[in-house]
Amino acid sequence: MKKLSMEELNRLSVEEFKKRDKAPLVIVLDNVRSLNNVGSAFRTSDAFLIEKICLCGITGTPPHREIQKTALGATESVEWEYFENTSKAIEELREAGFNICALEQVDQSVPLNEFQPDKGKKYALVFGNEVFGVEQEVILKSDHVLEIPQLGTKHSLNISVSMGIAIWDFVVKLNLFQNEG
């Protein structure tokens, strides 16, 4: 077993990325304050061919040095749009046929591992502020509220970790890797 070189990884160019069919997923950042977390959203979205990122409220936007530090250039490949408030983004996404899934701990949340997305449907995954989570108004406008089950004492994950887990879960359940073969 040997580690692959950069050439052996067969990475897409930015132009190739933009031409590819995208996963039926949009990421919505609801007032995310950490620019490093915003950069991580871009990098993870690039890794899984996410259609777009909606940056809402106080969420920082490119170009910014702190976003670039973790995005590693993914701000050039992943489409993004800024919204003054998350509710406006949700309304536009719903009109475009997206099912809205907030990731939050609420009294009627569905464990992520038990949720089965429908193939052929499009989903917007909403991730909230590092301290306050997803706004209550956005939770009420969501079609589903999903929670990542946890076993420890904190019952809290960094938003970039939550994004990675949730996006991976959707990509696997929607069989998107099969489409790449």
N, C-alpha and C. Protein backbone atom coordinates (compact mmCIF):
# COMPACT_ATOMS: atom_id res chain seq x y z
N MET A 1 0.85 -1.17 0.00
CA MET A 1 0.00 0.00 0.00
C MET A 1 0.90 1.23 0.00
N LYS A 2 0.57 2.19 -0.88
CA LYS A 2 1.35 3.42 -0.91
C LYS A 2 0.42 4.63 -1.01
N LYS A 3 0.85 5.68 -0.41
CA LYS A 3 0.10 6.92 -0.47
C LYS A 3 0.08 7.44 -1.90
N LEU A 4 -1.08 7.97 -2.34
CA LEU A 4 -1.21 8.47 -3.70
C LEU A 4 -0.59 9.87 -3.83
N SER A 5 0.01 10.10 -4.98
CA SER A 5 0.56 11.43 -5.26
C SER A 5 -0.57 12.34 -5.71
N MET A 6 -0.32 13.62 -5.79
CA MET A 6 -1.32 14.58 -6.25
C MET A 6 -1.82 14.23 -7.65
N GLU A 7 -0.94 13.80 -8.52
CA GLU A 7 -1.33 13.44 -9.88
C GLU A 7 -2.22 12.21 -9.90
N GLU A 8 -1.93 11.25 -9.03
CA GLU A 8 -2.70 10.00 -8.98
C GLU A 8 -4.11 10.20 -8.42
N LEU A 9 -4.36 11.31 -7.74
CA LEU A 9 -5.68 11.57 -7.17
C LEU A 9 -6.71 11.98 -8.23
N ASN A 10 -6.24 12.36 -9.42
CA ASN A 10 -7.14 12.73 -10.53
C ASN A 10 -8.16 13.78 -10.12
N ARG A 11 -7.70 14.83 -9.51
CA ARG A 11 -8.60 15.89 -9.07
C ARG A 11 -9.14 16.68 -10.25
N LEU A 12 -10.37 17.15 -10.09
CA LEU A 12 -10.98 17.99 -11.12
C LEU A 12 -10.35 19.38 -11.11
N SER A 13 -10.28 19.98 -12.25
CA SER A 13 -9.93 21.41 -12.30
C SER A 13 -11.18 22.19 -11.91
N VAL A 14 -11.03 23.47 -11.63
CA VAL A 14 -12.18 24.31 -11.30
C VAL A 14 -13.17 24.30 -12.45
N GLU A 15 -12.67 24.38 -13.67
CA GLU A 15 -13.55 24.37 -14.84
C GLU A 15 -14.31 23.05 -14.96
N GLU A 16 -13.63 21.93 -14.73
CA GLU A 16 -14.28 20.62 -14.77
C GLU A 16 -15.33 20.50 -13.67
N PHE A 17 -15.00 21.00 -12.48
CA PHE A 17 -15.94 20.98 -11.34
C PHE A 17 -17.23 21.72 -11.71
N LYS A 18 -17.08 22.89 -12.29
CA LYS A 18 -18.25 23.72 -12.62
C LYS A 18 -19.14 23.06 -13.67
N LYS A 19 -18.57 22.23 -14.53
CA LYS A 19 -19.34 21.57 -15.59
C LYS A 19 -20.01 20.28 -15.12
N ARG A 20 -19.56 19.72 -14.03
CA ARG A 20 -20.08 18.44 -13.54
C ARG A 20 -21.50 18.57 -13.00
N ASP A 21 -22.26 17.49 -13.10
CA ASP A 21 -23.55 17.44 -12.42
C ASP A 21 -23.27 17.47 -10.93
N LYS A 22 -24.08 18.22 -10.21
CA LYS A 22 -23.87 18.40 -8.77
C LYS A 22 -24.80 17.50 -7.97
N ALA A 23 -24.41 17.26 -6.74
CA ALA A 23 -25.28 16.57 -5.78
C ALA A 23 -26.53 17.42 -5.59
N PRO A 24 -27.68 16.80 -5.36
CA PRO A 24 -28.91 17.57 -5.18
C PRO A 24 -28.98 18.17 -3.77
N LEU A 25 -27.90 18.83 -3.37
CA LEU A 25 -27.78 19.38 -2.02
C LEU A 25 -27.30 20.83 -2.07
N VAL A 26 -27.91 21.64 -1.22
CA VAL A 26 -27.46 23.01 -0.98
C VAL A 26 -27.18 23.12 0.52
N ILE A 27 -26.13 23.82 0.85
CA ILE A 27 -25.78 24.07 2.25
C ILE A 27 -26.21 25.49 2.60
N VAL A 28 -26.87 25.65 3.74
CA VAL A 28 -27.31 26.95 4.21
C VAL A 28 -26.62 27.21 5.54
N LEU A 29 -25.87 28.31 5.62
CA LEU A 29 -25.21 28.69 6.86
C LEU A 29 -25.99 29.84 7.49
N ASP A 30 -26.62 29.55 8.62
CA ASP A 30 -27.50 30.46 9.33
C ASP A 30 -26.71 31.21 10.40
N ASN A 31 -26.22 32.39 10.03
CA ASN A 31 -25.50 33.26 10.97
C ASN A 31 -24.29 32.58 11.61
N VAL A 32 -23.47 31.96 10.78
CA VAL A 32 -22.25 31.31 11.26
C VAL A 32 -21.19 32.38 11.42
N ARG A 33 -20.63 32.48 12.62
CA ARG A 33 -19.72 33.60 12.91
C ARG A 33 -18.26 33.30 12.59
N SER A 34 -17.86 32.03 12.63
CA SER A 34 -16.45 31.70 12.41
C SER A 34 -16.14 31.62 10.92
N LEU A 35 -15.20 32.44 10.49
CA LEU A 35 -14.78 32.41 9.09
C LEU A 35 -14.09 31.09 8.75
N ASN A 36 -13.46 30.47 9.73
CA ASN A 36 -12.85 29.15 9.49
C ASN A 36 -13.94 28.11 9.21
N ASN A 37 -15.07 28.21 9.90
CA ASN A 37 -16.18 27.29 9.63
C ASN A 37 -16.77 27.54 8.25
N VAL A 38 -16.83 28.78 7.83
CA VAL A 38 -17.30 29.10 6.49
C VAL A 38 -16.35 28.48 5.46
N GLY A 39 -15.07 28.63 5.67
CA GLY A 39 -14.08 28.03 4.78
C GLY A 39 -14.22 26.52 4.72
N SER A 40 -14.47 25.90 5.87
CA SER A 40 -14.67 24.45 5.92
C SER A 40 -15.91 24.05 5.14
N ALA A 41 -16.95 24.87 5.18
CA ALA A 41 -18.17 24.58 4.41
C ALA A 41 -17.84 24.54 2.92
N PHE A 42 -17.02 25.49 2.46
CA PHE A 42 -16.64 25.49 1.05
C PHE A 42 -15.82 24.26 0.70
N ARG A 43 -14.87 23.93 1.54
CA ARG A 43 -13.99 22.79 1.25
C ARG A 43 -14.77 21.48 1.22
N THR A 44 -15.67 21.28 2.20
CA THR A 44 -16.48 20.07 2.24
C THR A 44 -17.45 20.04 1.07
N SER A 45 -18.02 21.19 0.72
CA SER A 45 -18.95 21.26 -0.42
C SER A 45 -18.25 20.94 -1.72
N ASP A 46 -17.01 21.37 -1.86
CA ASP A 46 -16.22 21.02 -3.04
C ASP A 46 -15.99 19.51 -3.09
N ALA A 47 -15.66 18.91 -1.96
CA ALA A 47 -15.35 17.48 -1.91
C ALA A 47 -16.51 16.61 -2.37
N PHE A 48 -17.75 17.09 -2.15
CA PHE A 48 -18.93 16.27 -2.47
C PHE A 48 -19.80 16.87 -3.56
N LEU A 49 -19.24 17.77 -4.39
CA LEU A 49 -19.95 18.35 -5.53
C LEU A 49 -21.30 18.95 -5.14
N ILE A 50 -21.30 19.72 -4.05
CA ILE A 50 -22.52 20.38 -3.58
C ILE A 50 -22.90 21.47 -4.56
N GLU A 51 -24.19 21.60 -4.81
CA GLU A 51 -24.70 22.56 -5.80
C GLU A 51 -24.36 24.00 -5.46
N LYS A 52 -24.56 24.38 -4.17
CA LYS A 52 -24.39 25.79 -3.80
C LYS A 52 -24.37 25.92 -2.29
N ILE A 53 -23.79 27.02 -1.82
CA ILE A 53 -23.84 27.40 -0.41
C ILE A 53 -24.58 28.73 -0.30
N CYS A 54 -25.52 28.80 0.63
CA CYS A 54 -26.21 30.05 0.94
C CYS A 54 -25.62 30.59 2.24
N LEU A 55 -25.02 31.77 2.16
CA LEU A 55 -24.40 32.42 3.30
C LEU A 55 -25.39 33.47 3.81
N CYS A 56 -25.84 33.33 5.06
CA CYS A 56 -26.95 34.14 5.55
C CYS A 56 -26.58 34.95 6.79
N GLY A 57 -27.15 36.16 6.86
CA GLY A 57 -27.00 37.00 8.04
C GLY A 57 -25.57 37.43 8.27
N ILE A 58 -25.04 37.15 9.47
CA ILE A 58 -23.68 37.57 9.83
C ILE A 58 -22.60 36.68 9.24
N THR A 59 -23.00 35.62 8.53
CA THR A 59 -22.01 34.71 7.94
C THR A 59 -21.12 35.48 6.98
N GLY A 60 -19.82 35.32 7.14
CA GLY A 60 -18.85 35.99 6.27
C GLY A 60 -18.89 35.45 4.86
N THR A 61 -18.45 36.28 3.93
CA THR A 61 -18.44 35.90 2.52
C THR A 61 -17.04 36.05 1.93
N PRO A 62 -16.74 35.27 0.91
CA PRO A 62 -15.48 35.46 0.19
C PRO A 62 -15.49 36.79 -0.55
N PRO A 63 -14.37 37.35 -0.87
CA PRO A 63 -13.04 36.87 -0.51
C PRO A 63 -12.66 37.35 0.89
N HIS A 64 -12.08 36.48 1.65
CA HIS A 64 -11.57 36.83 2.97
C HIS A 64 -10.44 35.86 3.32
N ARG A 65 -9.38 36.39 3.86
CA ARG A 65 -8.19 35.60 4.16
C ARG A 65 -8.51 34.42 5.09
N GLU A 66 -9.34 34.64 6.11
CA GLU A 66 -9.65 33.56 7.07
C GLU A 66 -10.51 32.46 6.42
N ILE A 67 -11.37 32.83 5.52
CA ILE A 67 -12.16 31.82 4.79
C ILE A 67 -11.23 31.02 3.89
N GLN A 68 -10.37 31.72 3.16
CA GLN A 68 -9.44 31.06 2.24
C GLN A 68 -8.51 30.09 2.94
N LYS A 69 -8.14 30.40 4.18
CA LYS A 69 -7.20 29.55 4.92
C LYS A 69 -7.72 28.12 5.04
N THR A 70 -9.02 27.95 5.27
CA THR A 70 -9.57 26.60 5.39
C THR A 70 -10.22 26.12 4.10
N ALA A 71 -10.66 27.04 3.25
CA ALA A 71 -11.32 26.64 1.99
C ALA A 71 -10.32 26.08 0.99
N LEU A 72 -9.07 26.49 1.07
CA LEU A 72 -8.01 26.03 0.15
C LEU A 72 -8.41 26.18 -1.32
N GLY A 73 -9.05 27.30 -1.65
CA GLY A 73 -9.39 27.57 -3.04
C GLY A 73 -10.79 27.13 -3.44
N ALA A 74 -11.53 26.46 -2.55
CA ALA A 74 -12.86 25.96 -2.90
C ALA A 74 -13.87 27.08 -3.12
N THR A 75 -13.54 28.30 -2.71
CA THR A 75 -14.44 29.43 -2.99
C THR A 75 -14.48 29.73 -4.49
N GLU A 76 -13.51 29.22 -5.22
CA GLU A 76 -13.48 29.41 -6.66
C GLU A 76 -14.32 28.37 -7.39
N SER A 77 -14.51 27.21 -6.79
CA SER A 77 -15.24 26.13 -7.47
C SER A 77 -16.70 26.06 -7.04
N VAL A 78 -17.00 26.30 -5.78
CA VAL A 78 -18.36 26.14 -5.27
C VAL A 78 -19.13 27.44 -5.41
N GLU A 79 -20.30 27.34 -6.03
CA GLU A 79 -21.18 28.51 -6.17
C GLU A 79 -21.71 28.92 -4.80
N TRP A 80 -21.86 30.22 -4.59
CA TRP A 80 -22.43 30.70 -3.33
C TRP A 80 -23.28 31.94 -3.59
N GLU A 81 -24.17 32.18 -2.62
CA GLU A 81 -25.04 33.34 -2.69
C GLU A 81 -25.24 33.87 -1.28
N TYR A 82 -25.29 35.19 -1.14
CA TYR A 82 -25.51 35.81 0.17
C TYR A 82 -26.97 36.24 0.32
N PHE A 83 -27.53 36.00 1.50
CA PHE A 83 -28.88 36.44 1.86
C PHE A 83 -28.81 37.21 3.18
N GLU A 84 -29.51 38.32 3.26
CA GLU A 84 -29.51 39.10 4.51
C GLU A 84 -30.09 38.30 5.66
N ASN A 85 -31.07 37.45 5.38
CA ASN A 85 -31.59 36.59 6.45
C ASN A 85 -31.87 35.20 5.91
N THR A 86 -31.82 34.25 6.81
CA THR A 86 -31.94 32.84 6.44
C THR A 86 -33.34 32.51 5.93
N SER A 87 -34.36 33.14 6.49
CA SER A 87 -35.73 32.87 6.05
C SER A 87 -35.91 33.14 4.57
N LYS A 88 -35.30 34.19 4.07
CA LYS A 88 -35.39 34.53 2.64
C LYS A 88 -34.73 33.42 1.80
N ALA A 89 -33.60 32.93 2.25
CA ALA A 89 -32.93 31.83 1.54
C ALA A 89 -33.83 30.59 1.52
N ILE A 90 -34.43 30.28 2.66
CA ILE A 90 -35.31 29.11 2.77
C ILE A 90 -36.49 29.25 1.80
N GLU A 91 -37.09 30.43 1.76
CA GLU A 91 -38.23 30.66 0.86
C GLU A 91 -37.83 30.43 -0.60
N GLU A 92 -36.69 30.97 -1.01
CA GLU A 92 -36.24 30.80 -2.39
C GLU A 92 -35.91 29.34 -2.70
N LEU A 93 -35.28 28.66 -1.75
CA LEU A 93 -34.94 27.25 -1.97
C LEU A 93 -36.20 26.40 -2.06
N ARG A 94 -37.18 26.67 -1.22
CA ARG A 94 -38.44 25.91 -1.26
C ARG A 94 -39.12 26.13 -2.62
N GLU A 95 -39.14 27.37 -3.09
CA GLU A 95 -39.74 27.67 -4.40
C GLU A 95 -39.01 26.93 -5.52
N ALA A 96 -37.71 26.68 -5.33
CA ALA A 96 -36.92 25.96 -6.33
C ALA A 96 -37.03 24.44 -6.16
N GLY A 97 -37.89 23.98 -5.23
CA GLY A 97 -38.14 22.55 -5.09
C GLY A 97 -37.30 21.83 -4.06
N PHE A 98 -36.59 22.57 -3.20
CA PHE A 98 -35.76 21.93 -2.19
C PHE A 98 -36.57 21.60 -0.93
N ASN A 99 -36.27 20.45 -0.34
CA ASN A 99 -36.78 20.09 0.98
C ASN A 99 -35.80 20.66 1.99
N ILE A 100 -36.30 21.34 3.00
CA ILE A 100 -35.46 22.03 3.97
C ILE A 100 -35.23 21.14 5.18
N CYS A 101 -33.96 20.87 5.48
CA CYS A 101 -33.57 20.04 6.63
C CYS A 101 -32.65 20.83 7.54
N ALA A 102 -33.16 21.24 8.69
CA ALA A 102 -32.32 21.92 9.67
C ALA A 102 -31.63 20.85 10.51
N LEU A 103 -30.38 21.08 10.84
CA LEU A 103 -29.68 20.19 11.76
C LEU A 103 -29.63 20.88 13.11
N GLU A 104 -30.42 20.35 14.04
CA GLU A 104 -30.57 20.99 15.34
C GLU A 104 -31.14 19.99 16.33
N GLN A 105 -30.95 20.28 17.60
CA GLN A 105 -31.51 19.46 18.68
C GLN A 105 -32.82 20.10 19.12
N VAL A 106 -33.93 19.44 18.75
CA VAL A 106 -35.26 19.92 19.13
C VAL A 106 -36.06 18.74 19.67
N ASP A 107 -37.22 19.04 20.26
CA ASP A 107 -38.02 17.99 20.89
C ASP A 107 -38.55 16.95 19.92
N GLN A 108 -38.69 17.28 18.64
CA GLN A 108 -39.21 16.31 17.68
C GLN A 108 -38.23 16.03 16.54
N SER A 109 -36.95 16.16 16.82
CA SER A 109 -35.95 15.89 15.77
C SER A 109 -35.93 14.41 15.43
N VAL A 110 -35.46 14.13 14.22
CA VAL A 110 -35.29 12.77 13.74
C VAL A 110 -33.78 12.49 13.74
N PRO A 111 -33.36 11.38 14.33
CA PRO A 111 -31.93 11.06 14.28
C PRO A 111 -31.46 10.93 12.83
N LEU A 112 -30.34 11.54 12.52
CA LEU A 112 -29.82 11.53 11.15
C LEU A 112 -29.70 10.12 10.61
N ASN A 113 -29.26 9.18 11.43
CA ASN A 113 -29.08 7.80 10.98
C ASN A 113 -30.41 7.11 10.65
N GLU A 114 -31.53 7.65 11.12
CA GLU A 114 -32.84 7.06 10.84
C GLU A 114 -33.55 7.76 9.67
N PHE A 115 -33.06 8.91 9.25
CA PHE A 115 -33.70 9.66 8.17
C PHE A 115 -33.28 9.10 6.83
N GLN A 116 -34.25 8.85 5.96
CA GLN A 116 -33.93 8.34 4.62
C GLN A 116 -34.40 9.36 3.58
N PRO A 117 -33.46 10.10 2.99
CA PRO A 117 -33.85 11.05 1.95
C PRO A 117 -34.37 10.30 0.72
N ASP A 118 -35.30 10.93 0.04
CA ASP A 118 -35.87 10.35 -1.18
C ASP A 118 -34.96 10.65 -2.36
N LYS A 119 -34.60 9.60 -3.08
CA LYS A 119 -33.82 9.80 -4.31
C LYS A 119 -34.69 10.55 -5.30
N GLY A 120 -34.12 11.47 -6.00
CA GLY A 120 -34.88 12.28 -6.95
C GLY A 120 -35.35 13.60 -6.36
N LYS A 121 -35.23 13.78 -5.05
CA LYS A 121 -35.57 15.05 -4.43
C LYS A 121 -34.31 15.83 -4.13
N LYS A 122 -34.48 17.14 -3.94
CA LYS A 122 -33.35 18.02 -3.62
C LYS A 122 -33.49 18.46 -2.17
N TYR A 123 -32.35 18.62 -1.51
CA TYR A 123 -32.35 18.96 -0.09
C TYR A 123 -31.44 20.15 0.19
N ALA A 124 -31.91 21.00 1.10
CA ALA A 124 -31.10 22.10 1.63
C ALA A 124 -30.83 21.76 3.09
N LEU A 125 -29.56 21.68 3.45
CA LEU A 125 -29.16 21.37 4.82
C LEU A 125 -28.77 22.66 5.52
N VAL A 126 -29.48 22.99 6.60
CA VAL A 126 -29.27 24.24 7.32
C VAL A 126 -28.45 23.98 8.57
N PHE A 127 -27.35 24.72 8.70
CA PHE A 127 -26.46 24.64 9.86
C PHE A 127 -26.44 26.00 10.54
N GLY A 128 -26.53 26.00 11.87
CA GLY A 128 -26.70 27.25 12.61
C GLY A 128 -25.46 27.80 13.26
N ASN A 129 -25.68 28.91 13.91
CA ASN A 129 -24.67 29.65 14.65
C ASN A 129 -24.01 28.75 15.70
N GLU A 130 -22.72 28.95 15.90
CA GLU A 130 -21.93 28.11 16.79
C GLU A 130 -22.43 28.14 18.25
N VAL A 131 -23.05 29.22 18.68
CA VAL A 131 -23.54 29.33 20.06
C VAL A 131 -25.04 29.09 20.14
N PHE A 132 -25.80 29.70 19.24
CA PHE A 132 -27.26 29.70 19.33
C PHE A 132 -27.94 28.68 18.44
N GLY A 133 -27.20 28.05 17.54
CA GLY A 133 -27.79 27.05 16.65
C GLY A 133 -28.62 27.68 15.55
N VAL A 134 -29.51 26.87 14.99
CA VAL A 134 -30.41 27.32 13.93
C VAL A 134 -31.51 28.16 14.57
N GLU A 135 -31.82 29.30 13.96
CA GLU A 135 -32.87 30.18 14.47
C GLU A 135 -34.20 29.44 14.57
N GLN A 136 -34.98 29.72 15.63
CA GLN A 136 -36.27 29.08 15.82
C GLN A 136 -37.19 29.30 14.62
N GLU A 137 -37.18 30.49 14.06
CA GLU A 137 -38.00 30.80 12.89
C GLU A 137 -37.67 29.86 11.73
N VAL A 138 -36.39 29.56 11.56
CA VAL A 138 -35.95 28.67 10.48
C VAL A 138 -36.37 27.23 10.80
N ILE A 139 -36.27 26.83 12.05
CA ILE A 139 -36.70 25.49 12.45
C ILE A 139 -38.17 25.29 12.09
N LEU A 140 -38.99 26.29 12.39
CA LEU A 140 -40.42 26.20 12.10
C LEU A 140 -40.72 26.14 10.61
N LYS A 141 -39.84 26.68 9.79
CA LYS A 141 -40.02 26.66 8.33
C LYS A 141 -39.41 25.43 7.67
N SER A 142 -38.78 24.58 8.46
CA SER A 142 -38.10 23.40 7.91
C SER A 142 -39.07 22.25 7.70
N ASP A 143 -38.80 21.45 6.68
CA ASP A 143 -39.58 20.24 6.43
C ASP A 143 -39.19 19.13 7.40
N HIS A 144 -37.91 19.11 7.75
CA HIS A 144 -37.38 18.09 8.66
C HIS A 144 -36.37 18.77 9.57
N VAL A 145 -36.30 18.31 10.82
CA VAL A 145 -35.23 18.72 11.71
C VAL A 145 -34.49 17.45 12.11
N LEU A 146 -33.23 17.40 11.73
CA LEU A 146 -32.41 16.22 11.94
C LEU A 146 -31.40 16.48 13.03
N GLU A 147 -31.09 15.43 13.78
CA GLU A 147 -30.12 15.55 14.86
C GLU A 147 -29.09 14.44 14.73
N ILE A 148 -27.84 14.79 14.92
CA ILE A 148 -26.77 13.80 14.90
C ILE A 148 -26.70 13.20 16.31
N PRO A 149 -27.05 11.92 16.47
CA PRO A 149 -27.00 11.32 17.80
C PRO A 149 -25.57 11.32 18.34
N GLN A 150 -25.46 11.58 19.62
CA GLN A 150 -24.15 11.64 20.27
C GLN A 150 -24.20 10.88 21.59
N LEU A 151 -23.05 10.41 22.04
CA LEU A 151 -22.98 9.56 23.22
C LEU A 151 -22.30 10.21 24.42
N GLY A 152 -21.53 11.27 24.22
CA GLY A 152 -20.74 11.85 25.29
C GLY A 152 -21.48 12.85 26.16
N THR A 153 -20.72 13.67 26.87
CA THR A 153 -21.31 14.62 27.82
C THR A 153 -21.65 15.96 27.18
N LYS A 154 -21.01 16.34 26.10
CA LYS A 154 -21.18 17.68 25.53
C LYS A 154 -22.42 17.81 24.66
N HIS A 155 -22.77 16.77 23.93
CA HIS A 155 -23.90 16.82 22.99
C HIS A 155 -23.83 18.05 22.10
N SER A 156 -22.61 18.29 21.63
CA SER A 156 -22.36 19.44 20.76
C SER A 156 -21.17 19.11 19.88
N LEU A 157 -21.31 19.39 18.59
CA LEU A 157 -20.22 19.20 17.65
C LEU A 157 -19.91 20.53 16.98
N ASN A 158 -18.66 20.72 16.60
CA ASN A 158 -18.32 21.90 15.81
C ASN A 158 -19.11 21.83 14.50
N ILE A 159 -19.53 22.98 14.01
CA ILE A 159 -20.34 23.03 12.80
C ILE A 159 -19.63 22.36 11.61
N SER A 160 -18.32 22.49 11.51
CA SER A 160 -17.63 21.87 10.38
C SER A 160 -17.69 20.35 10.48
N VAL A 161 -17.65 19.81 11.69
CA VAL A 161 -17.77 18.37 11.88
C VAL A 161 -19.20 17.93 11.55
N SER A 162 -20.19 18.68 12.02
CA SER A 162 -21.59 18.37 11.73
C SER A 162 -21.85 18.38 10.22
N MET A 163 -21.29 19.36 9.53
CA MET A 163 -21.46 19.42 8.07
C MET A 163 -20.89 18.17 7.41
N GLY A 164 -19.69 17.81 7.80
CA GLY A 164 -19.05 16.63 7.20
C GLY A 164 -19.87 15.37 7.42
N ILE A 165 -20.37 15.18 8.64
CA ILE A 165 -21.16 13.99 8.95
C ILE A 165 -22.46 14.00 8.14
N ALA A 166 -23.18 15.11 8.16
CA ALA A 166 -24.49 15.18 7.49
C ALA A 166 -24.37 15.07 5.98
N ILE A 167 -23.42 15.78 5.40
CA ILE A 167 -23.26 15.71 3.94
C ILE A 167 -22.87 14.30 3.52
N TRP A 168 -21.92 13.70 4.22
CA TRP A 168 -21.52 12.33 3.91
C TRP A 168 -22.73 11.40 3.99
N ASP A 169 -23.54 11.54 5.04
CA ASP A 169 -24.71 10.70 5.23
C ASP A 169 -25.66 10.82 4.04
N PHE A 170 -25.95 12.04 3.60
CA PHE A 170 -26.84 12.24 2.46
C PHE A 170 -26.23 11.68 1.17
N VAL A 171 -24.96 11.92 0.95
CA VAL A 171 -24.30 11.44 -0.27
C VAL A 171 -24.36 9.91 -0.34
N VAL A 172 -24.13 9.25 0.78
CA VAL A 172 -24.17 7.79 0.81
C VAL A 172 -25.60 7.29 0.61
N LYS A 173 -26.56 7.87 1.36
CA LYS A 173 -27.95 7.40 1.27
C LYS A 173 -28.56 7.67 -0.10
N LEU A 174 -28.11 8.70 -0.78
CA LEU A 174 -28.61 9.01 -2.12
C LEU A 174 -27.83 8.27 -3.21
N ASN A 175 -26.90 7.41 -2.79
CA ASN A 175 -26.08 6.61 -3.72
C ASN A 175 -25.34 7.46 -4.74
N LEU A 176 -24.84 8.60 -4.33
CA LEU A 176 -24.19 9.50 -5.28
C LEU A 176 -22.82 8.99 -5.73
N PHE A 177 -22.17 8.15 -4.93
CA PHE A 177 -20.89 7.59 -5.36
C PHE A 177 -21.08 6.62 -6.51
N GLN A 178 -22.20 5.90 -6.55
CA GLN A 178 -22.49 4.98 -7.65
C GLN A 178 -22.57 5.73 -8.96
N ASN A 179 -23.08 6.96 -8.92
CA ASN A 179 -23.22 7.76 -10.13
C ASN A 179 -21.88 8.23 -10.68
N GLU A 180 -20.84 8.17 -9.85
CA GLU A 180 -19.51 8.65 -10.27
C GLU A 180 -18.71 7.57 -10.98
N GLY A 181 -19.11 6.30 -10.83
CA GLY A 181 -18.33 5.18 -11.37
C GLY A 181 -18.24 5.23 -12.82
